[in-house]
Amino acid sequence: MRVGILDQSPVRSGGTPADAIHETLELARAADRWGYHRYWLAEHHSTPGLAGASPEVLIAQVAAVTGRIRVGSGGVMLPHYSALKVAEQFRMLETLFPGRIDLGIGRAPGSDQRTARVLRHGPGALGIEHYPRQIQDLAAFLHDDLPAEHPWRGIHAMPAGPSVPELWLLGSSDESALLAAQLGHAFCFAHFINAEGGAEVTRAYRDRFCPSPDLAAPRSSVAVFAVCATTEDEARRLARSRDLFIVRLYTGRPAPYPSVEEAERYPYNAQELAIAQHAARRSVVGTPEQVRERLLAMVADYQADELVVVTITHDFKARLRSYELLAEAFDLTGAGDKEMTP
């Protein structure tokens, strides 16, 4: 089983965005040692609890401090940008780190709607209805293969080269899955965002997949929030921080990732408890054996080829330890040094 990591570069309560970025680099180095297959960087804007606004920049640094693991975006929010510019950025990354770069794209704003309007501001801004065409143009620029009748034929995404990044469509609904199937790209379902219907969506993707020059057969993964600890009680304690983080986010009060103590002191009202309980359905929490069993059952239900894990705890050492325990539980290959990162 291939297992990857999705890192949202969380900002801890009491920490700084700079701390979050340095922790991303430390976690990436450890993941490379422990045998994880992919390391994806998320894109969020104007969000006090998540520091990763520029995955295309952070990918270069993560790839530079690792040696084996694939590194990519999870993902670039394509409607904000020009397909040509994204192709140029990822052709540059592929040139620097050939055979190790993934380009995951999505259509969510990665922010509030006001921030999204600022990101798309300008005379050439495209509406969300152009997203399917943007994907096609992006793939064509990556391969330097625009159709003869295309108005942009003759424009090239540089630097040109023999290899291209792996292109993944990311989503939490059936729309992105159907696009991925129709256009012949890999697909990752974001279970950590939406726990409803993901297995059916991903199986439908596989059933409806049309081969393309990028991909001859369907390739899918499922992204899940998980926390491991040596005991179930400790894992559930660590996960309380996420309850409060989600409650604040969903009630319009985004903030840095709270400590367990903050979460335990917080006076939840009935509505907030309902939000936290609903969000808990998107999480897998427990001992390494418990988490492994539940994740494998989910992968089987989704008929997925790979697993992507999102783990956030307020204590960075606990986050490292959670990923280390999971690597051991899955017996990930190539996991040289099993020592905990200091």
C-alpha atoms as a PDB file:
ATOM      1  CA  MET A   1       0.000   0.000   0.000  1.00  0.00           C
ATOM      2  CA  ARG A   2       1.373   3.401  -1.005  1.00  0.00           C
ATOM      3  CA  VAL A   3       0.816   5.979   1.729  1.00  0.00           C
ATOM      4  CA  GLY A   4       1.342   9.717   1.312  1.00  0.00           C
ATOM      5  CA  ILE A   5       1.072  12.846   3.439  1.00  0.00           C
ATOM      6  CA  LEU A   6      -0.967  15.999   2.861  1.00  0.00           C
ATOM      7  CA  ASP A   7       0.574  18.868   4.825  1.00  0.00           C
ATOM      8  CA  GLN A   8      -1.489  22.016   5.372  1.00  0.00           C
ATOM      9  CA  SER A   9       1.398  23.747   7.234  1.00  0.00           C
ATOM     10  CA  PRO A  10      -0.716  24.381  10.355  1.00  0.00           C
ATOM     11  CA  VAL A  11       0.051  27.371  12.579  1.00  0.00           C
ATOM     12  CA  ARG A  12      -0.022  26.381  16.253  1.00  0.00           C
ATOM     13  CA  SER A  13      -1.553  28.577  18.932  1.00  0.00           C
ATOM     14  CA  GLY A  14       1.487  30.238  20.471  1.00  0.00           C
ATOM     15  CA  GLY A  15       3.550  29.577  17.335  1.00  0.00           C
ATOM     16  CA  THR A  16       4.189  31.573  14.178  1.00  0.00           C
ATOM     17  CA  PRO A  17       3.672  30.985  10.440  1.00  0.00           C
ATOM     18  CA  ALA A  18       7.460  30.724  10.136  1.00  0.00           C
ATOM     19  CA  ASP A  19       7.382  27.898  12.706  1.00  0.00           C
ATOM     20  CA  ALA A  20       4.756  26.148  10.578  1.00  0.00           C
ATOM     21  CA  ILE A  21       6.915  26.286   7.454  1.00  0.00           C
ATOM     22  CA  HIS A  22      10.005  25.017   9.265  1.00  0.00           C
ATOM     23  CA  GLU A  23       7.904  22.176  10.764  1.00  0.00           C
ATOM     24  CA  THR A  24       6.766  21.279   7.230  1.00  0.00           C
ATOM     25  CA  LEU A  25      10.403  20.865   6.199  1.00  0.00           C
ATOM     26  CA  GLU A  26      11.219  18.797   9.286  1.00  0.00           C
ATOM     27  CA  LEU A  27       8.216  16.538   8.760  1.00  0.00           C
ATOM     28  CA  ALA A  28       9.087  16.094   5.075  1.00  0.00           C
ATOM     29  CA  ARG A  29      12.609  14.946   5.911  1.00  0.00           C
ATOM     30  CA  ALA A  30      11.215  12.444   8.419  1.00  0.00           C
ATOM     31  CA  ALA A  31       8.562  11.210   5.948  1.00  0.00           C
ATOM     32  CA  ASP A  32      11.306  10.601   3.381  1.00  0.00           C
ATOM     33  CA  ARG A  33      13.175   8.415   5.895  1.00  0.00           C
ATOM     34  CA  TRP A  34      10.074   6.533   7.012  1.00  0.00           C
ATOM     35  CA  GLY A  35       9.077   5.416   3.533  1.00  0.00           C
ATOM     36  CA  TYR A  36       6.078   7.591   2.667  1.00  0.00           C
ATOM     37  CA  HIS A  37       5.442   7.704  -1.084  1.00  0.00           C
ATOM     38  CA  ARG A  38       4.173  11.266  -1.608  1.00  0.00           C
ATOM     39  CA  TYR A  39       4.344  14.580   0.222  1.00  0.00           C
ATOM     40  CA  TRP A  40       1.687  17.064  -0.887  1.00  0.00           C
ATOM     41  CA  LEU A  41       1.493  20.734   0.109  1.00  0.00           C
ATOM     42  CA  ALA A  42      -1.901  22.408   0.417  1.00  0.00           C
ATOM     43  CA  GLU A  43      -2.930  25.892  -0.722  1.00  0.00           C
ATOM     44  CA  HIS A  44      -4.803  28.236   1.619  1.00  0.00           C
ATOM     45  CA  HIS A  45      -5.040  32.019   1.599  1.00  0.00           C
ATOM     46  CA  SER A  46      -5.635  34.633   4.309  1.00  0.00           C
ATOM     47  CA  THR A  47      -6.158  31.842   6.862  1.00  0.00           C
ATOM     48  CA  PRO A  48      -4.524  32.413  10.280  1.00  0.00           C
ATOM     49  CA  GLY A  49      -4.318  28.704  11.086  1.00  0.00           C
ATOM     50  CA  LEU A  50      -2.717  27.496   7.830  1.00  0.00           C
ATOM     51  CA  ALA A  51       0.511  28.991   6.463  1.00  0.00           C
ATOM     52  CA  GLY A  52       0.832  27.238   3.083  1.00  0.00           C
ATOM     53  CA  ALA A  53      -0.233  29.941   0.612  1.00  0.00           C
ATOM     54  CA  SER A  54       2.265  29.011  -2.142  1.00  0.00           C
ATOM     55  CA  PRO A  55       2.660  25.257  -2.629  1.00  0.00           C
ATOM     56  CA  GLU A  56       4.640  25.805  -5.839  1.00  0.00           C
ATOM     57  CA  VAL A  57       7.333  27.603  -3.806  1.00  0.00           C
ATOM     58  CA  LEU A  58       7.311  25.199  -0.875  1.00  0.00           C
ATOM     59  CA  ILE A  59       7.494  22.142  -3.165  1.00  0.00           C
ATOM     60  CA  ALA A  60      10.908  23.259  -4.389  1.00  0.00           C
ATOM     61  CA  GLN A  61      12.284  23.523  -0.858  1.00  0.00           C
ATOM     62  CA  VAL A  62      10.733  20.230   0.297  1.00  0.00           C
ATOM     63  CA  ALA A  63      12.118  18.411  -2.750  1.00  0.00           C
ATOM     64  CA  ALA A  64      15.540  19.960  -2.104  1.00  0.00           C
ATOM     65  CA  VAL A  65      15.732  18.652   1.481  1.00  0.00           C
ATOM     66  CA  THR A  66      14.479  15.143   0.605  1.00  0.00           C
ATOM     67  CA  GLY A  67      15.893  12.516  -1.708  1.00  0.00           C
ATOM     68  CA  ARG A  68      13.305   9.883  -2.642  1.00  0.00           C
ATOM     69  CA  ILE A  69       9.762  10.893  -1.810  1.00  0.00           C
ATOM     70  CA  ARG A  70       7.505  12.370  -4.526  1.00  0.00           C
ATOM     71  CA  VAL A  71       6.592  15.992  -3.789  1.00  0.00           C
ATOM     72  CA  GLY A  72       3.617  17.928  -5.105  1.00  0.00           C
ATOM     73  CA  SER A  73       0.612  20.147  -4.602  1.00  0.00           C
ATOM     74  CA  GLY A  74      -2.482  19.099  -2.785  1.00  0.00           C
ATOM     75  CA  GLY A  75      -3.408  21.189  -4.561  1.00  0.00           C
ATOM     76  CA  VAL A  76      -3.050  24.267  -6.726  1.00  0.00           C
ATOM     77  CA  MET A  77      -6.438  26.002  -6.950  1.00  0.00           C
ATOM     78  CA  LEU A  78      -6.425  26.341 -10.734  1.00  0.00           C
ATOM     79  CA  PRO A  79      -9.320  28.832 -11.191  1.00  0.00           C
ATOM     80  CA  HIS A  80      -7.178  31.500  -9.501  1.00  0.00           C
ATOM     81  CA  TYR A  81      -4.432  31.225 -12.111  1.00  0.00           C
ATOM     82  CA  SER A  82      -3.416  30.994 -15.758  1.00  0.00           C
ATOM     83  CA  ALA A  83      -3.023  27.432 -17.039  1.00  0.00           C
ATOM     84  CA  LEU A  84       0.181  28.474 -18.800  1.00  0.00           C
ATOM     85  CA  LYS A  85       1.712  29.933 -15.630  1.00  0.00           C
ATOM     86  CA  VAL A  86       0.928  26.816 -13.590  1.00  0.00           C
ATOM     87  CA  ALA A  87       2.392  24.645 -16.360  1.00  0.00           C
ATOM     88  CA  GLU A  88       5.569  26.774 -16.369  1.00  0.00           C
ATOM     89  CA  GLN A  89       5.948  26.519 -12.599  1.00  0.00           C
ATOM     90  CA  PHE A  90       5.586  22.749 -12.587  1.00  0.00           C
ATOM     91  CA  ARG A  91       7.714  22.231 -15.690  1.00  0.00           C
ATOM     92  CA  MET A  92      10.428  24.117 -13.809  1.00  0.00           C
ATOM     93  CA  LEU A  93       9.962  21.891 -10.747  1.00  0.00           C
ATOM     94  CA  GLU A  94      10.039  18.764 -12.932  1.00  0.00           C
ATOM     95  CA  THR A  95      13.269  19.979 -14.526  1.00  0.00           C
ATOM     96  CA  LEU A  96      14.855  20.532 -11.126  1.00  0.00           C
ATOM     97  CA  PHE A  97      13.587  17.248  -9.625  1.00  0.00           C
ATOM     98  CA  PRO A  98      12.801  14.904 -12.554  1.00  0.00           C
ATOM     99  CA  GLY A  99      10.450  12.032 -11.790  1.00  0.00           C
ATOM    100  CA  ARG A 100       9.505  13.325  -8.333  1.00  0.00           C
ATOM    101  CA  ILE A 101       6.894  16.052  -8.939  1.00  0.00           C
ATOM    102  CA  ASP A 102       3.091  15.783  -8.655  1.00  0.00           C
ATOM    103  CA  LEU A 103       0.671  18.474  -9.788  1.00  0.00           C
ATOM    104  CA  GLY A 104      -2.570  18.133  -7.849  1.00  0.00           C
ATOM    105  CA  ILE A 105      -5.210  20.675  -8.853  1.00  0.00           C
ATOM    106  CA  GLY A 106      -8.579  21.666  -7.438  1.00  0.00           C
ATOM    107  CA  ARG A 107     -11.265  24.269  -7.953  1.00  0.00           C
ATOM    108  CA  ALA A 108     -12.111  25.218  -4.348  1.00  0.00           C
ATOM    109  CA  PRO A 109     -11.192  28.777  -3.324  1.00  0.00           C
ATOM    110  CA  GLY A 110      -8.818  27.707  -0.531  1.00  0.00           C
ATOM    111  CA  SER A 111     -10.049  30.819   1.250  1.00  0.00           C
ATOM    112  CA  ASP A 112     -13.156  32.885   1.901  1.00  0.00           C
ATOM    113  CA  GLN A 113     -15.005  34.238  -1.126  1.00  0.00           C
ATOM    114  CA  ARG A 114     -13.715  37.794  -0.651  1.00  0.00           C
ATOM    115  CA  THR A 115     -10.096  36.587  -0.751  1.00  0.00           C
ATOM    116  CA  ALA A 116     -10.912  34.438  -3.793  1.00  0.00           C
ATOM    117  CA  ARG A 117     -12.136  37.541  -5.629  1.00  0.00           C
ATOM    118  CA  VAL A 118      -8.835  39.274  -4.900  1.00  0.00           C
ATOM    119  CA  LEU A 119      -6.840  36.284  -6.155  1.00  0.00           C
ATOM    120  CA  ARG A 120      -8.801  36.245  -9.415  1.00  0.00           C
ATOM    121  CA  HIS A 121      -8.787  40.023  -9.795  1.00  0.00           C
ATOM    122  CA  GLY A 122      -7.844  41.369 -13.218  1.00  0.00           C
ATOM    123  CA  PRO A 123      -9.137  41.827 -16.754  1.00  0.00           C
ATOM    124  CA  GLY A 124      -8.344  38.244 -17.791  1.00  0.00           C
ATOM    125  CA  ALA A 125     -10.019  36.497 -14.859  1.00  0.00           C
ATOM    126  CA  LEU A 126     -12.051  33.406 -15.785  1.00  0.00           C
ATOM    127  CA  GLY A 127     -15.235  32.160 -14.139  1.00  0.00           C
ATOM    128  CA  ILE A 128     -15.472  28.728 -12.527  1.00  0.00           C
ATOM    129  CA  GLU A 129     -17.331  27.470 -15.616  1.00  0.00           C
ATOM    130  CA  HIS A 130     -13.999  27.570 -17.490  1.00  0.00           C
ATOM    131  CA  TYR A 131     -12.367  25.059 -15.107  1.00  0.00           C
ATOM    132  CA  PRO A 132     -12.719  22.000 -17.428  1.00  0.00           C
ATOM    133  CA  ARG A 133     -11.082  23.912 -20.294  1.00  0.00           C
ATOM    134  CA  GLN A 134      -8.328  25.110 -17.939  1.00  0.00           C
ATOM    135  CA  ILE A 135      -7.524  21.489 -17.061  1.00  0.00           C
ATOM    136  CA  GLN A 136      -7.287  20.548 -20.730  1.00  0.00           C
ATOM    137  CA  ASP A 137      -5.096  23.540 -21.501  1.00  0.00           C
ATOM    138  CA  LEU A 138      -2.874  22.797 -18.492  1.00  0.00           C
ATOM    139  CA  ALA A 139      -2.319  19.193 -19.589  1.00  0.00           C
ATOM    140  CA  ALA A 140      -1.614  20.307 -23.162  1.00  0.00           C
ATOM    141  CA  PHE A 141       0.928  22.913 -22.003  1.00  0.00           C
ATOM    142  CA  LEU A 142       2.652  20.341 -19.776  1.00  0.00           C
ATOM    143  CA  HIS A 143       3.023  17.966 -22.741  1.00  0.00           C
ATOM    144  CA  ASP A 144       3.632  20.768 -25.277  1.00  0.00           C
ATOM    145  CA  ASP A 145       0.765  19.316 -27.272  1.00  0.00           C
ATOM    146  CA  LEU A 146      -1.868  21.976 -27.933  1.00  0.00           C
ATOM    147  CA  PRO A 147      -4.239  20.905 -30.730  1.00  0.00           C
ATOM    148  CA  ALA A 148      -3.533  22.332 -34.184  1.00  0.00           C
ATOM    149  CA  GLU A 149      -6.715  24.427 -34.106  1.00  0.00           C
ATOM    150  CA  HIS A 150      -6.094  25.825 -30.602  1.00  0.00           C
ATOM    151  CA  PRO A 151      -5.757  29.646 -30.583  1.00  0.00           C
ATOM    152  CA  TRP A 152      -2.667  29.353 -28.350  1.00  0.00           C
ATOM    153  CA  ARG A 153      -0.872  26.834 -30.562  1.00  0.00           C
ATOM    154  CA  GLY A 154       2.820  27.750 -30.742  1.00  0.00           C
ATOM    155  CA  ILE A 155       3.040  28.940 -27.126  1.00  0.00           C
ATOM    156  CA  HIS A 156       5.310  26.684 -25.054  1.00  0.00           C
ATOM    157  CA  ALA A 157       5.586  26.151 -21.292  1.00  0.00           C
ATOM    158  CA  MET A 158       9.269  26.339 -20.515  1.00  0.00           C
ATOM    159  CA  PRO A 159      11.570  24.750 -19.608  1.00  0.00           C
ATOM    160  CA  ALA A 160      10.737  21.963 -22.047  1.00  0.00           C
ATOM    161  CA  GLY A 161      11.886  18.459 -21.202  1.00  0.00           C
ATOM    162  CA  PRO A 162      11.244  14.742 -21.630  1.00  0.00           C
ATOM    163  CA  SER A 163       9.238  14.131 -18.456  1.00  0.00           C
ATOM    164  CA  VAL A 164       6.107  15.717 -16.989  1.00  0.00           C
ATOM    165  CA  PRO A 165       4.652  15.916 -13.466  1.00  0.00           C
ATOM    166  CA  GLU A 166       1.925  13.469 -12.492  1.00  0.00           C
ATOM    167  CA  LEU A 167      -1.392  15.294 -12.860  1.00  0.00           C
ATOM    168  CA  TRP A 168      -4.060  14.634 -10.205  1.00  0.00           C
ATOM    169  CA  LEU A 169      -7.532  16.120  -9.847  1.00  0.00           C
ATOM    170  CA  LEU A 170      -8.574  16.628  -6.229  1.00  0.00           C
ATOM    171  CA  GLY A 171     -12.141  16.931  -5.033  1.00  0.00           C
ATOM    172  CA  SER A 172     -14.773  16.288  -2.386  1.00  0.00           C
ATOM    173  CA  SER A 173     -17.744  15.743  -4.714  1.00  0.00           C
ATOM    174  CA  ASP A 174     -18.667  13.893  -7.876  1.00  0.00           C
ATOM    175  CA  GLU A 175     -17.930  16.826 -10.223  1.00  0.00           C
ATOM    176  CA  SER A 176     -14.132  16.615 -10.027  1.00  0.00           C
ATOM    177  CA  ALA A 177     -14.294  12.813 -10.128  1.00  0.00           C
ATOM    178  CA  LEU A 178     -16.309  12.836 -13.345  1.00  0.00           C
ATOM    179  CA  LEU A 179     -13.951  15.382 -14.900  1.00  0.00           C
ATOM    180  CA  ALA A 180     -10.958  13.236 -13.945  1.00  0.00           C
ATOM    181  CA  ALA A 181     -12.643  10.198 -15.503  1.00  0.00           C
ATOM    182  CA  GLN A 182     -13.596  11.996 -18.714  1.00  0.00           C
ATOM    183  CA  LEU A 183     -10.182  13.614 -19.194  1.00  0.00           C
ATOM    184  CA  GLY A 184      -8.163  10.563 -18.142  1.00  0.00           C
ATOM    185  CA  HIS A 185      -6.381  11.865 -15.029  1.00  0.00           C
ATOM    186  CA  ALA A 186      -5.719  10.454 -11.552  1.00  0.00           C
ATOM    187  CA  PHE A 187      -8.219  11.399  -8.837  1.00  0.00           C
ATOM    188  CA  CYS A 188      -7.989  11.924  -5.058  1.00  0.00           C
ATOM    189  CA  PHE A 189     -11.158  12.194  -2.937  1.00  0.00           C
ATOM    190  CA  ALA A 190     -10.902  14.508   0.088  1.00  0.00           C
ATOM    191  CA  HIS A 191     -12.643  12.432   2.776  1.00  0.00           C
ATOM    192  CA  PHE A 192     -11.167  14.802   5.394  1.00  0.00           C
ATOM    193  CA  ILE A 193     -13.434  17.505   3.912  1.00  0.00           C
ATOM    194  CA  ASN A 194     -16.519  15.421   3.077  1.00  0.00           C
ATOM    195  CA  ALA A 195     -17.249  11.988   4.548  1.00  0.00           C
ATOM    196  CA  GLU A 196     -20.465  11.526   2.563  1.00  0.00           C
ATOM    197  CA  GLY A 197     -20.551   9.415  -0.594  1.00  0.00           C
ATOM    198  CA  GLY A 198     -16.832   9.382  -1.304  1.00  0.00           C
ATOM    199  CA  ALA A 199     -16.622   5.654  -1.913  1.00  0.00           C
ATOM    200  CA  GLU A 200     -19.439   5.748  -4.468  1.00  0.00           C
ATOM    201  CA  VAL A 201     -17.875   8.775  -6.184  1.00  0.00           C
ATOM    202  CA  THR A 202     -14.454   7.127  -6.412  1.00  0.00           C
ATOM    203  CA  ARG A 203     -15.847   3.826  -7.668  1.00  0.00           C
ATOM    204  CA  ALA A 204     -17.827   5.738 -10.321  1.00  0.00           C
ATOM    205  CA  TYR A 205     -14.599   7.455 -11.372  1.00  0.00           C
ATOM    206  CA  ARG A 206     -12.995   4.072 -11.932  1.00  0.00           C
ATOM    207  CA  ASP A 207     -15.995   2.725 -13.844  1.00  0.00           C
ATOM    208  CA  ARG A 208     -16.165   5.736 -16.162  1.00  0.00           C
ATOM    209  CA  PHE A 209     -12.449   6.300 -16.695  1.00  0.00           C
ATOM    210  CA  CYS A 210     -11.353   7.077 -20.271  1.00  0.00           C
ATOM    211  CA  PRO A 211      -7.672   6.386 -21.031  1.00  0.00           C
ATOM    212  CA  SER A 212      -5.554   9.385 -22.028  1.00  0.00           C
ATOM    213  CA  PRO A 213      -1.945  10.094 -23.031  1.00  0.00           C
ATOM    214  CA  ASP A 214      -1.350  10.854 -19.337  1.00  0.00           C
ATOM    215  CA  LEU A 215      -2.846   7.684 -17.894  1.00  0.00           C
ATOM    216  CA  ALA A 216      -3.830   4.347 -19.414  1.00  0.00           C
ATOM    217  CA  ALA A 217      -5.882   3.092 -16.439  1.00  0.00           C
ATOM    218  CA  PRO A 218      -7.624   4.756 -13.470  1.00  0.00           C
ATOM    219  CA  ARG A 219      -5.544   5.732 -10.456  1.00  0.00           C
ATOM    220  CA  SER A 220      -7.251   6.927  -7.290  1.00  0.00           C
ATOM    221  CA  SER A 221      -6.507   7.768  -3.697  1.00  0.00           C
ATOM    222  CA  VAL A 222      -8.418   8.864  -0.611  1.00  0.00           C
ATOM    223  CA  ALA A 223      -7.223  11.627   1.721  1.00  0.00           C
ATOM    224  CA  VAL A 224      -8.143  11.088   5.380  1.00  0.00           C
ATOM    225  CA  PHE A 225      -7.534  12.957   8.637  1.00  0.00           C
ATOM    226  CA  ALA A 226      -5.915  10.594  11.165  1.00  0.00           C
ATOM    227  CA  VAL A 227      -4.196  10.753  14.546  1.00  0.00           C
ATOM    228  CA  CYS A 228      -2.175   7.885  16.044  1.00  0.00           C
ATOM    229  CA  ALA A 229      -0.823   7.510  19.552  1.00  0.00           C
ATOM    230  CA  THR A 230       0.335   4.583  21.645  1.00  0.00           C
ATOM    231  CA  THR A 231      -3.055   4.497  23.419  1.00  0.00           C
ATOM    232  CA  GLU A 232      -6.540   5.243  22.146  1.00  0.00           C
ATOM    233  CA  ASP A 233      -7.177   7.665  25.007  1.00  0.00           C
ATOM    234  CA  GLU A 234      -4.100   9.712  24.129  1.00  0.00           C
ATOM    235  CA  ALA A 235      -5.018   9.805  20.425  1.00  0.00           C
ATOM    236  CA  ARG A 236      -8.531  11.015  21.261  1.00  0.00           C
ATOM    237  CA  ARG A 237      -7.086  13.619  23.609  1.00  0.00           C
ATOM    238  CA  LEU A 238      -4.796  14.947  20.869  1.00  0.00           C
ATOM    239  CA  ALA A 239      -7.716  15.087  18.414  1.00  0.00           C
ATOM    240  CA  ARG A 240      -9.683  17.470  20.645  1.00  0.00           C
ATOM    241  CA  SER A 241      -7.677  20.352  19.194  1.00  0.00           C
ATOM    242  CA  ARG A 242      -9.178  19.657  15.781  1.00  0.00           C
ATOM    243  CA  ASP A 243     -12.702  19.818  17.214  1.00  0.00           C
ATOM    244  CA  LEU A 244     -12.186  23.404  18.346  1.00  0.00           C
ATOM    245  CA  PHE A 245     -10.267  24.381  15.197  1.00  0.00           C
ATOM    246  CA  ILE A 246     -13.159  23.174  12.990  1.00  0.00           C
ATOM    247  CA  VAL A 247     -15.804  24.807  15.183  1.00  0.00           C
ATOM    248  CA  ARG A 248     -14.064  28.164  14.971  1.00  0.00           C
ATOM    249  CA  LEU A 249     -13.535  27.812  11.232  1.00  0.00           C
ATOM    250  CA  TYR A 250     -17.156  26.858  10.524  1.00  0.00           C
ATOM    251  CA  THR A 251     -18.551  29.660  12.670  1.00  0.00           C
ATOM    252  CA  GLY A 252     -16.510  32.393  10.995  1.00  0.00           C
ATOM    253  CA  ARG A 253     -13.802  32.708  13.651  1.00  0.00           C
ATOM    254  CA  PRO A 254     -10.690  31.174  12.050  1.00  0.00           C
ATOM    255  CA  ALA A 255      -7.707  31.049  14.387  1.00  0.00           C
ATOM    256  CA  PRO A 256      -4.402  29.201  14.893  1.00  0.00           C
ATOM    257  CA  TYR A 257      -4.587  25.507  15.812  1.00  0.00           C
ATOM    258  CA  PRO A 258      -5.526  25.370  19.509  1.00  0.00           C
ATOM    259  CA  SER A 259      -3.843  23.344  22.215  1.00  0.00           C
ATOM    260  CA  VAL A 260      -5.553  20.404  23.849  1.00  0.00           C
ATOM    261  CA  GLU A 261      -5.890  22.467  27.013  1.00  0.00           C
ATOM    262  CA  GLU A 262      -7.669  25.261  25.103  1.00  0.00           C
ATOM    263  CA  ALA A 263     -10.047  22.736  23.584  1.00  0.00           C
ATOM    264  CA  GLU A 264     -10.770  21.114  26.950  1.00  0.00           C
ATOM    265  CA  ARG A 265     -11.541  24.480  28.545  1.00  0.00           C
ATOM    266  CA  TYR A 266     -13.725  25.744  25.712  1.00  0.00           C
ATOM    267  CA  PRO A 267     -17.471  26.052  26.611  1.00  0.00           C
ATOM    268  CA  TYR A 268     -19.106  24.454  23.553  1.00  0.00           C
ATOM    269  CA  ASN A 269     -22.753  25.327  22.968  1.00  0.00           C
ATOM    270  CA  ALA A 270     -25.182  22.836  21.419  1.00  0.00           C
ATOM    271  CA  GLN A 271     -24.604  24.024  17.854  1.00  0.00           C
ATOM    272  CA  GLU A 272     -20.835  23.866  18.253  1.00  0.00           C
ATOM    273  CA  LEU A 273     -20.993  20.364  19.736  1.00  0.00           C
ATOM    274  CA  ALA A 274     -23.019  19.249  16.727  1.00  0.00           C
ATOM    275  CA  ILE A 275     -20.389  20.720  14.380  1.00  0.00           C
ATOM    276  CA  ALA A 276     -17.574  18.971  16.247  1.00  0.00           C
ATOM    277  CA  GLN A 277     -19.397  15.632  16.315  1.00  0.00           C
ATOM    278  CA  HIS A 278     -20.166  15.827  12.598  1.00  0.00           C
ATOM    279  CA  ALA A 279     -16.547  16.705  11.774  1.00  0.00           C
ATOM    280  CA  ALA A 280     -15.336  13.752  13.870  1.00  0.00           C
ATOM    281  CA  ARG A 281     -16.904  11.422  11.290  1.00  0.00           C
ATOM    282  CA  ARG A 282     -14.181  12.558   8.893  1.00  0.00           C
ATOM    283  CA  SER A 283     -11.396  11.520  11.280  1.00  0.00           C
ATOM    284  CA  VAL A 284      -9.715   8.229  12.128  1.00  0.00           C
ATOM    285  CA  VAL A 285      -8.268   8.307  15.653  1.00  0.00           C
ATOM    286  CA  GLY A 286      -6.706   5.578  17.792  1.00  0.00           C
ATOM    287  CA  THR A 287      -3.733   3.280  18.217  1.00  0.00           C
ATOM    288  CA  PRO A 288      -1.637   2.448  15.144  1.00  0.00           C
ATOM    289  CA  GLU A 289      -3.372  -0.927  14.773  1.00  0.00           C
ATOM    290  CA  GLN A 290      -6.832   0.622  15.073  1.00  0.00           C
ATOM    291  CA  VAL A 291      -6.029   3.365  12.590  1.00  0.00           C
ATOM    292  CA  ARG A 292      -4.422   0.964  10.127  1.00  0.00           C
ATOM    293  CA  GLU A 293      -7.449  -1.356  10.229  1.00  0.00           C
ATOM    294  CA  ARG A 294      -9.915   1.480   9.627  1.00  0.00           C
ATOM    295  CA  LEU A 295      -7.834   3.058   6.869  1.00  0.00           C
ATOM    296  CA  LEU A 296      -7.430  -0.244   5.028  1.00  0.00           C
ATOM    297  CA  ALA A 297     -11.183  -0.833   5.247  1.00  0.00           C
ATOM    298  CA  MET A 298     -11.744   2.631   3.795  1.00  0.00           C
ATOM    299  CA  VAL A 299      -9.266   2.040   0.962  1.00  0.00           C
ATOM    300  CA  ALA A 300     -11.057  -1.213   0.107  1.00  0.00           C
ATOM    301  CA  ASP A 301     -14.457   0.501   0.143  1.00  0.00           C
ATOM    302  CA  TYR A 302     -13.164   3.275  -2.117  1.00  0.00           C
ATOM    303  CA  GLN A 303     -11.334   0.763  -4.334  1.00  0.00           C
ATOM    304  CA  ALA A 304      -8.450   3.223  -4.046  1.00  0.00           C
ATOM    305  CA  ASP A 305      -4.871   2.545  -5.075  1.00  0.00           C
ATOM    306  CA  GLU A 306      -3.300   4.843  -2.500  1.00  0.00           C
ATOM    307  CA  LEU A 307      -3.885   6.553   0.814  1.00  0.00           C
ATOM    308  CA  VAL A 308      -3.083  10.164   1.744  1.00  0.00           C
ATOM    309  CA  VAL A 309      -3.023  11.068   5.443  1.00  0.00           C
ATOM    310  CA  VAL A 310      -3.597  14.488   7.015  1.00  0.00           C
ATOM    311  CA  THR A 311      -2.420  14.666  10.636  1.00  0.00           C
ATOM    312  CA  ILE A 312      -2.446  17.826  12.722  1.00  0.00           C
ATOM    313  CA  THR A 313      -1.815  18.087  16.449  1.00  0.00           C
ATOM    314  CA  HIS A 314      -0.920  21.172  18.454  1.00  0.00           C
ATOM    315  CA  ASP A 315       2.248  19.502  19.727  1.00  0.00           C
ATOM    316  CA  PHE A 316       4.557  19.076  16.735  1.00  0.00           C
ATOM    317  CA  LYS A 317       6.405  16.158  18.349  1.00  0.00           C
ATOM    318  CA  ALA A 318       3.075  14.361  18.751  1.00  0.00           C
ATOM    319  CA  ARG A 319       2.389  14.977  15.055  1.00  0.00           C
ATOM    320  CA  LEU A 320       5.758  13.538  14.087  1.00  0.00           C
ATOM    321  CA  ARG A 321       5.188  10.559  16.350  1.00  0.00           C
ATOM    322  CA  SER A 322       1.748   9.918  14.850  1.00  0.00           C
ATOM    323  CA  TYR A 323       3.206   9.701  11.335  1.00  0.00           C
ATOM    324  CA  GLU A 324       6.080   7.535  12.571  1.00  0.00           C
ATOM    325  CA  LEU A 325       3.681   5.091  14.258  1.00  0.00           C
ATOM    326  CA  LEU A 326       1.586   4.940  11.098  1.00  0.00           C
ATOM    327  CA  ALA A 327       4.657   4.217   8.961  1.00  0.00           C
ATOM    328  CA  GLU A 328       5.538   1.351  11.278  1.00  0.00           C
ATOM    329  CA  ALA A 329       1.965   0.025  11.259  1.00  0.00           C
ATOM    330  CA  PHE A 330       1.955  -0.064   7.444  1.00  0.00           C
ATOM    331  CA  ASP A 331       5.532  -1.360   7.316  1.00  0.00           C
ATOM    332  CA  LEU A 332       6.392   1.226   4.682  1.00  0.00           C
ATOM    333  CA  THR A 333       9.362   0.204   2.563  1.00  0.00           C
ATOM    334  CA  GLY A 334      12.523   2.257   2.361  1.00  0.00           C
ATOM    335  CA  ALA A 335      12.024   3.551   5.874  1.00  0.00           C
ATOM    336  CA  GLY A 336      15.712   3.655   6.812  1.00  0.00           C
ATOM    337  CA  ASP A 337      16.049   5.483  10.099  1.00  0.00           C
ATOM    338  CA  LYS A 338      13.107   4.843  12.397  1.00  0.00           C
ATOM    339  CA  GLU A 339      14.359   7.203  15.077  1.00  0.00           C
ATOM    340  CA  MET A 340      12.052   9.994  16.097  1.00  0.00           C
ATOM    341  CA  THR A 341      13.103  13.372  14.732  1.00  0.00           C
ATOM    342  CA  PRO A 342      14.356  15.397  17.708  1.00  0.00           C
END
